[in-house]
Amino acid sequence: MSYVALMGVSEHRSVGRALSSNLKRVVASRYLWIVPVAGIAPMVAETITGQFMVYYLETGLHSGTATAGTVSSLFLFLGFIGGLVGGACSSRGPGGRWAHS
């Protein structure tokens, strides 16, 4: 790195302080933590339900293996479709990608 010194130009180094205070403000924001938790909760629920639904349908409700697998895969497929629809709806809302079209 090379540095150029100019006559009569003062050098300011307050960028680091502003960056750290902005970073603290962002990390302390309540909304920053609500969004990831709200995003992780459905994924955890979908994973648990997808893993144990087949077991429950076979042992608890005494359904066949094919029926249990079909119901479980249908549940996961509908969750995938719901994610796509939810993403499209949130993109079209206020401040979304298509809000100004």
C-alpha atoms as a PDB file:
ATOM      1  CA  MET A   1       0.000   0.000   0.000  1.00  0.00           C
ATOM      2  CA  SER A   2       1.256   3.455  -0.776  1.00  0.00           C
ATOM      3  CA  TYR A   3       0.233   6.635   0.993  1.00  0.00           C
ATOM      4  CA  VAL A   4       0.163  10.078  -0.545  1.00  0.00           C
ATOM      5  CA  ALA A   5       0.554  13.121   1.689  1.00  0.00           C
ATOM      6  CA  LEU A   6      -1.028  16.329   0.504  1.00  0.00           C
ATOM      7  CA  MET A   7      -0.058  19.755   1.812  1.00  0.00           C
ATOM      8  CA  GLY A   8      -2.798  21.344   3.888  1.00  0.00           C
ATOM      9  CA  VAL A   9      -5.108  18.305   3.834  1.00  0.00           C
ATOM     10  CA  SER A  10      -5.911  16.816   7.193  1.00  0.00           C
ATOM     11  CA  GLU A  11      -6.454  13.103   7.556  1.00  0.00           C
ATOM     12  CA  HIS A  12      -9.550  11.816   9.362  1.00  0.00           C
ATOM     13  CA  ARG A  13      -9.607   8.396  10.986  1.00  0.00           C
ATOM     14  CA  SER A  14     -13.076   8.403  12.540  1.00  0.00           C
ATOM     15  CA  VAL A  15     -14.402   5.793  10.100  1.00  0.00           C
ATOM     16  CA  GLY A  16     -13.532   2.970  12.491  1.00  0.00           C
ATOM     17  CA  ARG A  17     -15.498   4.523  15.348  1.00  0.00           C
ATOM     18  CA  ALA A  18     -18.523   5.156  13.153  1.00  0.00           C
ATOM     19  CA  LEU A  19     -18.356   1.619  11.817  1.00  0.00           C
ATOM     20  CA  SER A  20     -18.184   0.063  15.273  1.00  0.00           C
ATOM     21  CA  SER A  21     -21.062   2.179  16.600  1.00  0.00           C
ATOM     22  CA  ASN A  22     -23.171   1.343  13.546  1.00  0.00           C
ATOM     23  CA  LEU A  23     -22.339  -2.326  13.937  1.00  0.00           C
ATOM     24  CA  LYS A  24     -23.346  -2.257  17.601  1.00  0.00           C
ATOM     25  CA  ARG A  25     -26.624  -0.561  16.683  1.00  0.00           C
ATOM     26  CA  VAL A  26     -27.419  -3.162  14.033  1.00  0.00           C
ATOM     27  CA  VAL A  27     -26.563  -6.148  16.240  1.00  0.00           C
ATOM     28  CA  ALA A  28     -28.617  -4.692  19.109  1.00  0.00           C
ATOM     29  CA  SER A  29     -31.648  -4.308  16.840  1.00  0.00           C
ATOM     30  CA  ARG A  30     -34.560  -6.480  17.924  1.00  0.00           C
ATOM     31  CA  TYR A  31     -35.711  -7.011  14.337  1.00  0.00           C
ATOM     32  CA  LEU A  32     -32.355  -8.466  13.375  1.00  0.00           C
ATOM     33  CA  TRP A  33     -32.951 -11.359  15.768  1.00  0.00           C
ATOM     34  CA  ILE A  34     -36.695 -11.833  15.141  1.00  0.00           C
ATOM     35  CA  VAL A  35     -36.275 -12.576  11.444  1.00  0.00           C
ATOM     36  CA  PRO A  36     -33.778 -15.481  11.796  1.00  0.00           C
ATOM     37  CA  VAL A  37     -35.727 -17.060  14.651  1.00  0.00           C
ATOM     38  CA  ALA A  38     -38.954 -16.759  12.673  1.00  0.00           C
ATOM     39  CA  GLY A  39     -37.200 -18.318   9.688  1.00  0.00           C
ATOM     40  CA  ILE A  40     -35.605 -21.181  11.592  1.00  0.00           C
ATOM     41  CA  ALA A  41     -38.735 -22.222  13.526  1.00  0.00           C
ATOM     42  CA  PRO A  42     -40.673 -23.494  10.475  1.00  0.00           C
ATOM     43  CA  MET A  43     -37.592 -25.314   9.190  1.00  0.00           C
ATOM     44  CA  VAL A  44     -37.186 -27.132  12.502  1.00  0.00           C
ATOM     45  CA  ALA A  45     -40.892 -27.981  12.618  1.00  0.00           C
ATOM     46  CA  GLU A  46     -40.813 -29.252   9.034  1.00  0.00           C
ATOM     47  CA  THR A  47     -37.739 -31.387   9.687  1.00  0.00           C
ATOM     48  CA  ILE A  48     -39.157 -32.936  12.856  1.00  0.00           C
ATOM     49  CA  THR A  49     -42.534 -33.546  11.277  1.00  0.00           C
ATOM     50  CA  GLY A  50     -40.973 -34.989   8.136  1.00  0.00           C
ATOM     51  CA  GLN A  51     -38.833 -37.404  10.133  1.00  0.00           C
ATOM     52  CA  PHE A  52     -41.412 -38.601  12.626  1.00  0.00           C
ATOM     53  CA  MET A  53     -44.654 -38.460  10.647  1.00  0.00           C
ATOM     54  CA  VAL A  54     -43.975 -41.768   8.884  1.00  0.00           C
ATOM     55  CA  TYR A  55     -43.171 -43.450  12.195  1.00  0.00           C
ATOM     56  CA  TYR A  56     -46.303 -42.066  13.862  1.00  0.00           C
ATOM     57  CA  LEU A  57     -48.591 -42.993  10.974  1.00  0.00           C
ATOM     58  CA  GLU A  58     -47.255 -46.543  10.885  1.00  0.00           C
ATOM     59  CA  THR A  59     -47.156 -47.237  14.623  1.00  0.00           C
ATOM     60  CA  GLY A  60     -49.751 -44.880  16.110  1.00  0.00           C
ATOM     61  CA  LEU A  61     -52.426 -44.947  13.432  1.00  0.00           C
ATOM     62  CA  HIS A  62     -51.526 -48.392  12.004  1.00  0.00           C
ATOM     63  CA  SER A  63     -51.552 -47.229   8.395  1.00  0.00           C
ATOM     64  CA  GLY A  64     -49.587 -48.897   5.629  1.00  0.00           C
ATOM     65  CA  THR A  65     -46.025 -48.011   4.727  1.00  0.00           C
ATOM     66  CA  ALA A  66     -46.982 -46.599   1.333  1.00  0.00           C
ATOM     67  CA  THR A  67     -49.750 -44.456   2.815  1.00  0.00           C
ATOM     68  CA  ALA A  68     -47.477 -43.127   5.566  1.00  0.00           C
ATOM     69  CA  GLY A  69     -44.734 -42.266   3.071  1.00  0.00           C
ATOM     70  CA  THR A  70     -47.187 -40.562   0.720  1.00  0.00           C
ATOM     71  CA  VAL A  71     -48.739 -38.439   3.478  1.00  0.00           C
ATOM     72  CA  SER A  72     -45.317 -37.451   4.814  1.00  0.00           C
ATOM     73  CA  SER A  73     -43.983 -36.509   1.384  1.00  0.00           C
ATOM     74  CA  LEU A  74     -47.178 -34.566   0.626  1.00  0.00           C
ATOM     75  CA  PHE A  75     -46.700 -32.570   3.831  1.00  0.00           C
ATOM     76  CA  LEU A  76     -43.119 -31.684   2.889  1.00  0.00           C
ATOM     77  CA  PHE A  77     -44.080 -30.883  -0.718  1.00  0.00           C
ATOM     78  CA  LEU A  78     -46.845 -28.512   0.426  1.00  0.00           C
ATOM     79  CA  GLY A  79     -44.331 -26.810   2.734  1.00  0.00           C
ATOM     80  CA  PHE A  80     -42.038 -26.250  -0.240  1.00  0.00           C
ATOM     81  CA  ILE A  81     -44.883 -24.784  -2.318  1.00  0.00           C
ATOM     82  CA  GLY A  82     -45.888 -22.582   0.632  1.00  0.00           C
ATOM     83  CA  GLY A  83     -42.328 -21.257   0.826  1.00  0.00           C
ATOM     84  CA  LEU A  84     -42.393 -20.268  -2.833  1.00  0.00           C
ATOM     85  CA  VAL A  85     -45.796 -18.591  -2.513  1.00  0.00           C
ATOM     86  CA  GLY A  86     -44.746 -16.805   0.687  1.00  0.00           C
ATOM     87  CA  GLY A  87     -41.559 -15.553  -0.956  1.00  0.00           C
ATOM     88  CA  ALA A  88     -43.481 -14.215  -3.941  1.00  0.00           C
ATOM     89  CA  CYS A  89     -46.009 -12.493  -1.670  1.00  0.00           C
ATOM     90  CA  SER A  90     -43.319 -10.895   0.493  1.00  0.00           C
ATOM     91  CA  SER A  91     -41.456  -9.642  -2.577  1.00  0.00           C
ATOM     92  CA  ARG A  92     -44.585  -7.895  -3.816  1.00  0.00           C
ATOM     93  CA  GLY A  93     -45.359  -6.198  -0.496  1.00  0.00           C
ATOM     94  CA  PRO A  94     -44.315  -2.698   0.581  1.00  0.00           C
ATOM     95  CA  GLY A  95     -40.610  -2.250  -0.066  1.00  0.00           C
ATOM     96  CA  GLY A  96     -40.383  -5.488  -2.030  1.00  0.00           C
ATOM     97  CA  ARG A  97     -38.668  -6.011  -5.336  1.00  0.00           C
ATOM     98  CA  TRP A  98     -41.868  -5.496  -7.374  1.00  0.00           C
ATOM     99  CA  ALA A  99     -43.352  -2.765  -5.194  1.00  0.00           C
ATOM    100  CA  HIS A 100     -42.655   0.025  -7.703  1.00  0.00           C
ATOM    101  CA  SER A 101     -43.739  -1.727 -10.899  1.00  0.00           C
END
